[in-house]
All heavy atoms as atom14 arrays in JSON, in Angstrom:
{
  "sequence": "YIQEQNPKSHTIVEIHPQVLERLDIWAKDKPNVIVVRGDW",
  "atom14_mask": [
    [1, 1, 1, 1, 1, 1, 1, 1, 1, 1, 1, 1, 0, 0],
    [1, 1, 1, 1, 1, 1, 1, 1, 0, 0, 0, 0, 0, 0],
    [1, 1, 1, 1, 1, 1, 1, 1, 1, 0, 0, 0, 0, 0],
    [1, 1, 1, 1, 1, 1, 1, 1, 1, 0, 0, 0, 0, 0],
    [1, 1, 1, 1, 1, 1, 1, 1, 1, 0, 0, 0, 0, 0],
    [1, 1, 1, 1, 1, 1, 1, 1, 0, 0, 0, 0, 0, 0],
    [1, 1, 1, 1, 1, 1, 1, 0, 0, 0, 0, 0, 0, 0],
    [1, 1, 1, 1, 1, 1, 1, 1, 1, 0, 0, 0, 0, 0],
    [1, 1, 1, 1, 1, 1, 0, 0, 0, 0, 0, 0, 0, 0],
    [1, 1, 1, 1, 1, 1, 1, 1, 1, 1, 0, 0, 0, 0],
    [1, 1, 1, 1, 1, 1, 1, 0, 0, 0, 0, 0, 0, 0],
    [1, 1, 1, 1, 1, 1, 1, 1, 0, 0, 0, 0, 0, 0],
    [1, 1, 1, 1, 1, 1, 1, 0, 0, 0, 0, 0, 0, 0],
    [1, 1, 1, 1, 1, 1, 1, 1, 1, 0, 0, 0, 0, 0],
    [1, 1, 1, 1, 1, 1, 1, 1, 0, 0, 0, 0, 0, 0],
    [1, 1, 1, 1, 1, 1, 1, 1, 1, 1, 0, 0, 0, 0],
    [1, 1, 1, 1, 1, 1, 1, 0, 0, 0, 0, 0, 0, 0],
    [1, 1, 1, 1, 1, 1, 1, 1, 1, 0, 0, 0, 0, 0],
    [1, 1, 1, 1, 1, 1, 1, 0, 0, 0, 0, 0, 0, 0],
    [1, 1, 1, 1, 1, 1, 1, 1, 0, 0, 0, 0, 0, 0],
    [1, 1, 1, 1, 1, 1, 1, 1, 1, 0, 0, 0, 0, 0],
    [1, 1, 1, 1, 1, 1, 1, 1, 1, 1, 1, 0, 0, 0],
    [1, 1, 1, 1, 1, 1, 1, 1, 0, 0, 0, 0, 0, 0],
    [1, 1, 1, 1, 1, 1, 1, 1, 0, 0, 0, 0, 0, 0],
    [1, 1, 1, 1, 1, 1, 1, 1, 0, 0, 0, 0, 0, 0],
    [1, 1, 1, 1, 1, 1, 1, 1, 1, 1, 1, 1, 1, 1],
    [1, 1, 1, 1, 1, 0, 0, 0, 0, 0, 0, 0, 0, 0],
    [1, 1, 1, 1, 1, 1, 1, 1, 1, 0, 0, 0, 0, 0],
    [1, 1, 1, 1, 1, 1, 1, 1, 0, 0, 0, 0, 0, 0],
    [1, 1, 1, 1, 1, 1, 1, 1, 1, 0, 0, 0, 0, 0],
    [1, 1, 1, 1, 1, 1, 1, 0, 0, 0, 0, 0, 0, 0],
    [1, 1, 1, 1, 1, 1, 1, 1, 0, 0, 0, 0, 0, 0],
    [1, 1, 1, 1, 1, 1, 1, 0, 0, 0, 0, 0, 0, 0],
    [1, 1, 1, 1, 1, 1, 1, 1, 0, 0, 0, 0, 0, 0],
    [1, 1, 1, 1, 1, 1, 1, 0, 0, 0, 0, 0, 0, 0],
    [1, 1, 1, 1, 1, 1, 1, 0, 0, 0, 0, 0, 0, 0],
    [1, 1, 1, 1, 1, 1, 1, 1, 1, 1, 1, 0, 0, 0],
    [1, 1, 1, 1, 0, 0, 0, 0, 0, 0, 0, 0, 0, 0],
    [1, 1, 1, 1, 1, 1, 1, 1, 0, 0, 0, 0, 0, 0],
    [1, 1, 1, 1, 1, 1, 1, 1, 1, 1, 1, 1, 1, 1]
  ],
  "atom14_positions": [
    [[-0.2, 3.97, -11.27], [0.7, 4.49, -10.24], [1.39, 5.78, -10.7], [1.65, 6.68, -9.88], [1.73, 3.44, -9.85], [1.18, 2.36, -8.96], [1.29, 1.01, -9.29], [0.54, 2.68, -7.76], [0.8, 0.02, -8.46], [0.03, 1.7, -6.92], [0.16, 0.36, -7.27], [-0.35, -0.62, -6.45], [0.0, 0.0, 0.0], [0.0, 0.0, 0.0]],
    [[1.7, 5.9, -11.98], [2.27, 7.15, -12.49], [1.27, 8.29, -12.32], [1.64, 9.4, -11.93], [2.68, 6.98, -13.97], [3.94, 6.13, -14.07], [2.92, 8.35, -14.64], [4.35, 5.76, -15.48], [0.0, 0.0, 0.0], [0.0, 0.0, 0.0], [0.0, 0.0, 0.0], [0.0, 0.0, 0.0], [0.0, 0.0, 0.0], [0.0, 0.0, 0.0]],
    [[0.0, 8.02, -12.57], [-1.02, 9.05, -12.39], [-1.09, 9.52, -10.94], [-1.36, 10.7, -10.67], [-2.38, 8.51, -12.84], [-2.58, 8.53, -14.34], [-2.64, 9.94, -14.89], [-3.54, 10.71, -14.57], [-1.67, 10.3, -15.73], [0.0, 0.0, 0.0], [0.0, 0.0, 0.0], [0.0, 0.0, 0.0], [0.0, 0.0, 0.0], [0.0, 0.0, 0.0]],
    [[-0.84, 8.63, -10.0], [-0.84, 9.01, -8.58], [0.26, 10.02, -8.26], [0.2, 10.72, -7.25], [-0.69, 7.77, -7.7], [-1.93, 6.87, -7.72], [-1.78, 5.68, -6.79], [-0.72, 5.56, -6.13], [-2.73, 4.87, -6.73], [0.0, 0.0, 0.0], [0.0, 0.0, 0.0], [0.0, 0.0, 0.0], [0.0, 0.0, 0.0], [0.0, 0.0, 0.0]],
    [[1.28, 10.08, -9.12], [2.39, 11.03, -8.92], [2.09, 12.41, -9.51], [2.91, 13.32, -9.42], [3.66, 10.47, -9.55], [4.11, 9.12, -8.98], [4.51, 9.22, -7.52], [5.22, 10.15, -7.12], [4.05, 8.27, -6.72], [0.0, 0.0, 0.0], [0.0, 0.0, 0.0], [0.0, 0.0, 0.0], [0.0, 0.0, 0.0], [0.0, 0.0, 0.0]],
    [[0.92, 12.56, -10.14], [0.46, 13.83, -10.71], [1.48, 14.48, -11.67], [1.89, 15.63, -11.5], [0.13, 14.84, -9.59], [-1.02, 14.37, -8.73], [-2.06, 13.96, -9.24], [-0.84, 14.4, -7.42], [0.0, 0.0, 0.0], [0.0, 0.0, 0.0], [0.0, 0.0, 0.0], [0.0, 0.0, 0.0], [0.0, 0.0, 0.0], [0.0, 0.0, 0.0]],
    [[1.88, 13.75, -12.71], [2.81, 14.34, -13.67], [2.15, 15.45, -14.48], [0.92, 15.47, -14.64], [3.18, 13.16, -14.57], [1.98, 12.26, -14.52], [1.46, 12.38, -13.1], [0.0, 0.0, 0.0], [0.0, 0.0, 0.0], [0.0, 0.0, 0.0], [0.0, 0.0, 0.0], [0.0, 0.0, 0.0], [0.0, 0.0, 0.0], [0.0, 0.0, 0.0]],
    [[2.95, 16.35, -15.0], [2.43, 17.41, -15.86], [1.79, 16.79, -17.1], [0.68, 17.19, -17.51], [3.56, 18.35, -16.26], [3.13, 19.46, -17.23], [4.33, 20.32, -17.62], [3.94, 21.37, -18.64], [5.13, 22.17, -19.07], [0.0, 0.0, 0.0], [0.0, 0.0, 0.0], [0.0, 0.0, 0.0], [0.0, 0.0, 0.0], [0.0, 0.0, 0.0]],
    [[2.49, 15.85, -17.72], [1.93, 15.1, -18.84], [2.4, 13.65, -18.73], [3.44, 13.36, -18.13], [2.35, 15.69, -20.19], [3.72, 15.44, -20.45], [0.0, 0.0, 0.0], [0.0, 0.0, 0.0], [0.0, 0.0, 0.0], [0.0, 0.0, 0.0], [0.0, 0.0, 0.0], [0.0, 0.0, 0.0], [0.0, 0.0, 0.0], [0.0, 0.0, 0.0]],
    [[1.62, 12.76, -19.31], [1.88, 11.32, -19.22], [1.62, 10.73, -20.6], [0.47, 10.49, -20.97], [0.97, 10.71, -18.15], [1.16, 9.24, -17.95], [0.32, 8.51, -17.11], [2.05, 8.36, -18.44], [0.7, 7.25, -17.13], [1.75, 7.13, -17.93], [0.0, 0.0, 0.0], [0.0, 0.0, 0.0], [0.0, 0.0, 0.0], [0.0, 0.0, 0.0]],
    [[2.67, 10.55, -21.37], [2.56, 10.0, -22.72], [2.73, 8.49, -22.65], [3.72, 7.99, -22.1], [3.64, 10.61, -23.64], [3.45, 12.02, -23.7], [3.54, 10.01, -25.04], [0.0, 0.0, 0.0], [0.0, 0.0, 0.0], [0.0, 0.0, 0.0], [0.0, 0.0, 0.0], [0.0, 0.0, 0.0], [0.0, 0.0, 0.0], [0.0, 0.0, 0.0]],
    [[1.76, 7.76, -23.22], [1.8, 6.29, -23.21], [1.8, 5.81, -24.65], [0.9, 6.14, -25.42], [0.6, 5.7, -22.45], [0.51, 6.28, -21.04], [0.71, 4.18, -22.41], [-0.72, 5.86, -20.27], [0.0, 0.0, 0.0], [0.0, 0.0, 0.0], [0.0, 0.0, 0.0], [0.0, 0.0, 0.0], [0.0, 0.0, 0.0], [0.0, 0.0, 0.0]],
    [[2.82, 5.01, -25.0], [2.91, 4.43, -26.33], [2.54, 2.95, -26.24], [3.1, 2.22, -25.42], [4.32, 4.57, -26.92], [4.33, 4.1, -28.38], [4.83, 5.99, -26.81], [0.0, 0.0, 0.0], [0.0, 0.0, 0.0], [0.0, 0.0, 0.0], [0.0, 0.0, 0.0], [0.0, 0.0, 0.0], [0.0, 0.0, 0.0], [0.0, 0.0, 0.0]],
    [[1.6, 2.54, -27.08], [1.14, 1.14, -27.07], [0.91, 0.68, -28.51], [0.38, 1.43, -29.33], [-0.13, 0.99, -26.24], [-0.73, -0.39, -26.24], [0.22, -1.46, -25.76], [0.82, -1.29, -24.66], [0.39, -2.47, -26.48], [0.0, 0.0, 0.0], [0.0, 0.0, 0.0], [0.0, 0.0, 0.0], [0.0, 0.0, 0.0], [0.0, 0.0, 0.0]],
    [[1.29, -0.56, -28.8], [1.21, -1.08, -30.16], [0.09, -2.1, -30.36], [-0.41, -2.25, -31.47], [2.57, -1.7, -30.57], [2.62, -1.92, -32.09], [2.84, -2.98, -29.8], [4.0, -2.3, -32.61], [0.0, 0.0, 0.0], [0.0, 0.0, 0.0], [0.0, 0.0, 0.0], [0.0, 0.0, 0.0], [0.0, 0.0, 0.0], [0.0, 0.0, 0.0]],
    [[-0.31, -2.81, -29.31], [-1.28, -3.9, -29.5], [-2.71, -3.35, -29.55], [-3.13, -2.63, -28.64], [-1.16, -4.94, -28.39], [-1.8, -6.24, -28.76], [-3.16, -6.41, -28.8], [-1.25, -7.43, -29.15], [-3.44, -7.65, -29.17], [-2.29, -8.28, -29.4], [0.0, 0.0, 0.0], [0.0, 0.0, 0.0], [0.0, 0.0, 0.0], [0.0, 0.0, 0.0]],
    [[-3.48, -3.71, -30.58], [-4.82, -3.13, -30.73], [-5.76, -3.45, -29.57], [-6.58, -2.59, -29.19], [-5.34, -3.72, -32.05], [-4.46, -4.9, -32.33], [-3.13, -4.58, -31.72], [0.0, 0.0, 0.0], [0.0, 0.0, 0.0], [0.0, 0.0, 0.0], [0.0, 0.0, 0.0], [0.0, 0.0, 0.0], [0.0, 0.0, 0.0], [0.0, 0.0, 0.0]],
    [[-5.68, -4.65, -29.0], [-6.56, -4.98, -27.88], [-6.2, -4.19, -26.63], [-7.08, -3.76, -25.88], [-6.5, -6.48, -27.59], [-7.19, -7.36, -28.6], [-7.04, -8.82, -28.24], [-6.15, -9.5, -28.74], [-7.9, -9.3, -27.36], [0.0, 0.0, 0.0], [0.0, 0.0, 0.0], [0.0, 0.0, 0.0], [0.0, 0.0, 0.0], [0.0, 0.0, 0.0]],
    [[-4.92, -4.0, -26.4], [-4.49, -3.21, -25.24], [-4.88, -1.75, -25.44], [-5.3, -1.07, -24.49], [-2.97, -3.36, -25.02], [-2.52, -2.49, -23.84], [-2.59, -4.81, -24.78], [0.0, 0.0, 0.0], [0.0, 0.0, 0.0], [0.0, 0.0, 0.0], [0.0, 0.0, 0.0], [0.0, 0.0, 0.0], [0.0, 0.0, 0.0], [0.0, 0.0, 0.0]],
    [[-4.77, -1.28, -26.67], [-5.16, 0.1, -26.96], [-6.63, 0.35, -26.66], [-6.99, 1.43, -26.17], [-4.87, 0.43, -28.43], [-3.44, 0.85, -28.75], [-3.18, 0.79, -30.25], [-3.13, 2.24, -28.2], [0.0, 0.0, 0.0], [0.0, 0.0, 0.0], [0.0, 0.0, 0.0], [0.0, 0.0, 0.0], [0.0, 0.0, 0.0], [0.0, 0.0, 0.0]],
    [[-7.49, -0.62, -26.91], [-8.91, -0.46, -26.58], [-9.09, -0.2, -25.1], [-9.87, 0.68, -24.69], [-9.69, -1.71, -27.0], [-9.82, -1.92, -28.5], [-10.54, -3.21, -28.83], [-10.98, -3.91, -27.9], [-10.65, -3.52, -30.05], [0.0, 0.0, 0.0], [0.0, 0.0, 0.0], [0.0, 0.0, 0.0], [0.0, 0.0, 0.0], [0.0, 0.0, 0.0]],
    [[-8.37, -0.94, -24.27], [-8.48, -0.77, -22.82], [-7.8, 0.52, -22.36], [-8.27, 1.18, -21.43], [-7.88, -2.0, -22.13], [-8.57, -3.3, -22.56], [-7.84, -4.53, -22.06], [-8.13, -4.82, -20.66], [-9.13, -5.59, -20.23], [-9.95, -6.15, -21.09], [-9.31, -5.8, -18.95], [0.0, 0.0, 0.0], [0.0, 0.0, 0.0], [0.0, 0.0, 0.0]],
    [[-6.71, 0.88, -23.02], [-6.03, 2.13, -22.7], [-6.93, 3.32, -22.99], [-6.99, 4.27, -22.19], [-4.74, 2.22, -23.51], [-3.99, 3.56, -23.52], [-3.7, 4.06, -22.12], [-2.69, 3.43, -24.32], [0.0, 0.0, 0.0], [0.0, 0.0, 0.0], [0.0, 0.0, 0.0], [0.0, 0.0, 0.0], [0.0, 0.0, 0.0], [0.0, 0.0, 0.0]],
    [[-7.66, 3.3, -24.1], [-8.55, 4.41, -24.45], [-9.61, 4.61, -23.37], [-9.94, 5.75, -23.01], [-9.22, 4.14, -25.8], [-8.27, 4.31, -26.97], [-7.25, 4.98, -26.82], [-8.56, 3.73, -28.04], [0.0, 0.0, 0.0], [0.0, 0.0, 0.0], [0.0, 0.0, 0.0], [0.0, 0.0, 0.0], [0.0, 0.0, 0.0], [0.0, 0.0, 0.0]],
    [[-10.15, 3.52, -22.86], [-11.16, 3.6, -21.79], [-10.54, 4.16, -20.52], [-11.09, 5.05, -19.87], [-11.78, 2.21, -21.55], [-12.57, 1.76, -22.78], [-12.69, 2.24, -20.32], [-13.02, 0.31, -22.73], [0.0, 0.0, 0.0], [0.0, 0.0, 0.0], [0.0, 0.0, 0.0], [0.0, 0.0, 0.0], [0.0, 0.0, 0.0], [0.0, 0.0, 0.0]],
    [[-9.37, 3.64, -20.16], [-8.67, 4.07, -18.94], [-8.34, 5.57, -18.99], [-8.41, 6.27, -17.98], [-7.41, 3.24, -18.79], [-6.51, 3.59, -17.65], [-6.56, 3.1, -16.38], [-5.41, 4.51, -17.68], [-5.57, 3.66, -15.61], [-4.84, 4.53, -16.39], [-4.84, 5.31, -18.67], [-3.74, 5.31, -16.07], [-3.75, 6.11, -18.35], [-3.21, 6.09, -17.06]],
    [[-7.97, 6.07, -20.18], [-7.48, 7.44, -20.31], [-8.58, 8.49, -20.43], [-8.28, 9.69, -20.36], [-6.56, 7.54, -21.54], [0.0, 0.0, 0.0], [0.0, 0.0, 0.0], [0.0, 0.0, 0.0], [0.0, 0.0, 0.0], [0.0, 0.0, 0.0], [0.0, 0.0, 0.0], [0.0, 0.0, 0.0], [0.0, 0.0, 0.0], [0.0, 0.0, 0.0]],
    [[-9.83, 8.08, -20.57], [-10.92, 9.02, -20.85], [-11.02, 10.16, -19.85], [-11.3, 11.3, -20.22], [-12.26, 8.27, -20.92], [-12.57, 7.7, -22.29], [-13.95, 7.08, -22.32], [-14.3, 6.56, -23.72], [-15.64, 5.94, -23.77], [0.0, 0.0, 0.0], [0.0, 0.0, 0.0], [0.0, 0.0, 0.0], [0.0, 0.0, 0.0], [0.0, 0.0, 0.0]],
    [[-10.83, 9.89, -18.58], [-11.01, 10.91, -17.55], [-9.67, 11.45, -17.04], [-9.59, 11.98, -15.93], [-11.82, 10.34, -16.38], [-11.14, 9.16, -15.7], [-10.16, 8.61, -16.27], [-11.58, 8.77, -14.59], [0.0, 0.0, 0.0], [0.0, 0.0, 0.0], [0.0, 0.0, 0.0], [0.0, 0.0, 0.0], [0.0, 0.0, 0.0], [0.0, 0.0, 0.0]],
    [[-8.62, 11.31, -17.87], [-7.28, 11.75, -17.45], [-6.74, 12.75, -18.48], [-6.07, 12.35, -19.44], [-6.37, 10.53, -17.29], [-6.88, 9.53, -16.25], [-6.07, 8.25, -16.24], [-6.61, 7.29, -15.19], [-7.98, 6.83, -15.48], [0.0, 0.0, 0.0], [0.0, 0.0, 0.0], [0.0, 0.0, 0.0], [0.0, 0.0, 0.0], [0.0, 0.0, 0.0]],
    [[-6.98, 14.02, -18.3], [-6.62, 15.02, -19.31], [-5.12, 15.18, -19.55], [-4.72, 15.73, -20.57], [-7.23, 16.31, -18.77], [-7.41, 16.08, -17.31], [-7.7, 14.62, -17.15], [0.0, 0.0, 0.0], [0.0, 0.0, 0.0], [0.0, 0.0, 0.0], [0.0, 0.0, 0.0], [0.0, 0.0, 0.0], [0.0, 0.0, 0.0], [0.0, 0.0, 0.0]],
    [[-4.29, 14.72, -18.64], [-2.84, 14.85, -18.83], [-2.24, 13.66, -19.59], [-1.02, 13.63, -19.82], [-2.12, 15.03, -17.49], [-2.23, 13.8, -16.59], [-3.14, 12.98, -16.75], [-1.33, 13.69, -15.64], [0.0, 0.0, 0.0], [0.0, 0.0, 0.0], [0.0, 0.0, 0.0], [0.0, 0.0, 0.0], [0.0, 0.0, 0.0], [0.0, 0.0, 0.0]],
    [[-3.08, 12.7, -19.99], [-2.59, 11.51, -20.7], [-2.64, 11.73, -22.2], [-3.65, 12.19, -22.75], [-3.41, 10.26, -20.32], [-3.06, 9.08, -21.23], [-3.14, 9.88, -18.86], [0.0, 0.0, 0.0], [0.0, 0.0, 0.0], [0.0, 0.0, 0.0], [0.0, 0.0, 0.0], [0.0, 0.0, 0.0], [0.0, 0.0, 0.0], [0.0, 0.0, 0.0]],
    [[-1.54, 11.41, -22.85], [-1.43, 11.47, -24.31], [-1.18, 10.05, -24.8], [-0.17, 9.43, -24.45], [-0.27, 12.38, -24.75], [-0.47, 13.8, -24.21], [-0.13, 12.39, -26.27], [0.78, 14.65, -24.28], [0.0, 0.0, 0.0], [0.0, 0.0, 0.0], [0.0, 0.0, 0.0], [0.0, 0.0, 0.0], [0.0, 0.0, 0.0], [0.0, 0.0, 0.0]],
    [[-2.1, 9.51, -25.58], [-1.97, 8.15, -26.1], [-1.33, 8.2, -27.48], [-1.82, 8.9, -28.38], [-3.34, 7.44, -26.17], [-3.2, 6.06, -26.8], [-3.95, 7.33, -24.77], [0.0, 0.0, 0.0], [0.0, 0.0, 0.0], [0.0, 0.0, 0.0], [0.0, 0.0, 0.0], [0.0, 0.0, 0.0], [0.0, 0.0, 0.0], [0.0, 0.0, 0.0]],
    [[-0.25, 7.45, -27.64], [0.43, 7.33, -28.93], [0.26, 5.89, -29.4], [0.69, 4.95, -28.73], [1.92, 7.69, -28.83], [2.61, 7.51, -30.18], [2.09, 9.12, -28.33], [0.0, 0.0, 0.0], [0.0, 0.0, 0.0], [0.0, 0.0, 0.0], [0.0, 0.0, 0.0], [0.0, 0.0, 0.0], [0.0, 0.0, 0.0], [0.0, 0.0, 0.0]],
    [[-0.36, 5.74, -30.57], [-0.73, 4.42, -31.06], [0.31, 3.92, -32.07], [0.58, 4.58, -33.06], [-2.1, 4.48, -31.72], [-3.11, 5.28, -30.91], [-4.39, 5.54, -31.67], [-5.27, 4.42, -31.61], [-6.1, 4.18, -30.6], [-6.13, 5.02, -29.57], [-6.87, 3.13, -30.59], [0.0, 0.0, 0.0], [0.0, 0.0, 0.0], [0.0, 0.0, 0.0]],
    [[0.89, 2.74, -31.78], [1.81, 2.15, -32.72], [3.17, 1.84, -32.13], [3.35, 1.79, -30.91], [0.0, 0.0, 0.0], [0.0, 0.0, 0.0], [0.0, 0.0, 0.0], [0.0, 0.0, 0.0], [0.0, 0.0, 0.0], [0.0, 0.0, 0.0], [0.0, 0.0, 0.0], [0.0, 0.0, 0.0], [0.0, 0.0, 0.0], [0.0, 0.0, 0.0]],
    [[4.14, 1.64, -33.0], [5.5, 1.27, -32.65], [6.26, 2.5, -32.15], [6.41, 3.49, -32.87], [6.18, 0.69, -33.9], [7.57, 0.18, -33.65], [8.38, 0.9, -33.04], [7.87, -0.95, -34.07], [0.0, 0.0, 0.0], [0.0, 0.0, 0.0], [0.0, 0.0, 0.0], [0.0, 0.0, 0.0], [0.0, 0.0, 0.0], [0.0, 0.0, 0.0]],
    [[6.75, 2.46, -30.92], [7.42, 3.63, -30.33], [8.62, 4.05, -31.17], [8.88, 5.26, -31.31], [7.88, 3.33, -28.9], [9.12, 2.49, -28.82], [9.18, 1.13, -28.71], [10.48, 2.95, -28.9], [10.49, 0.71, -28.71], [11.31, 1.81, -28.82], [11.07, 4.2, -29.02], [12.69, 1.88, -28.86], [12.46, 4.28, -29.06], [13.27, 3.14, -28.98]]
  ]
}
């Protein structure tokens, strides 16, 4: 839903390794997404 708002950049912080696997797939075609891995 955040992507539907067309933000300039969208930084997502995630700590769980299994969720990160799914996040990496989701973010592949979204150039404005910045994935930060680990404890925020």
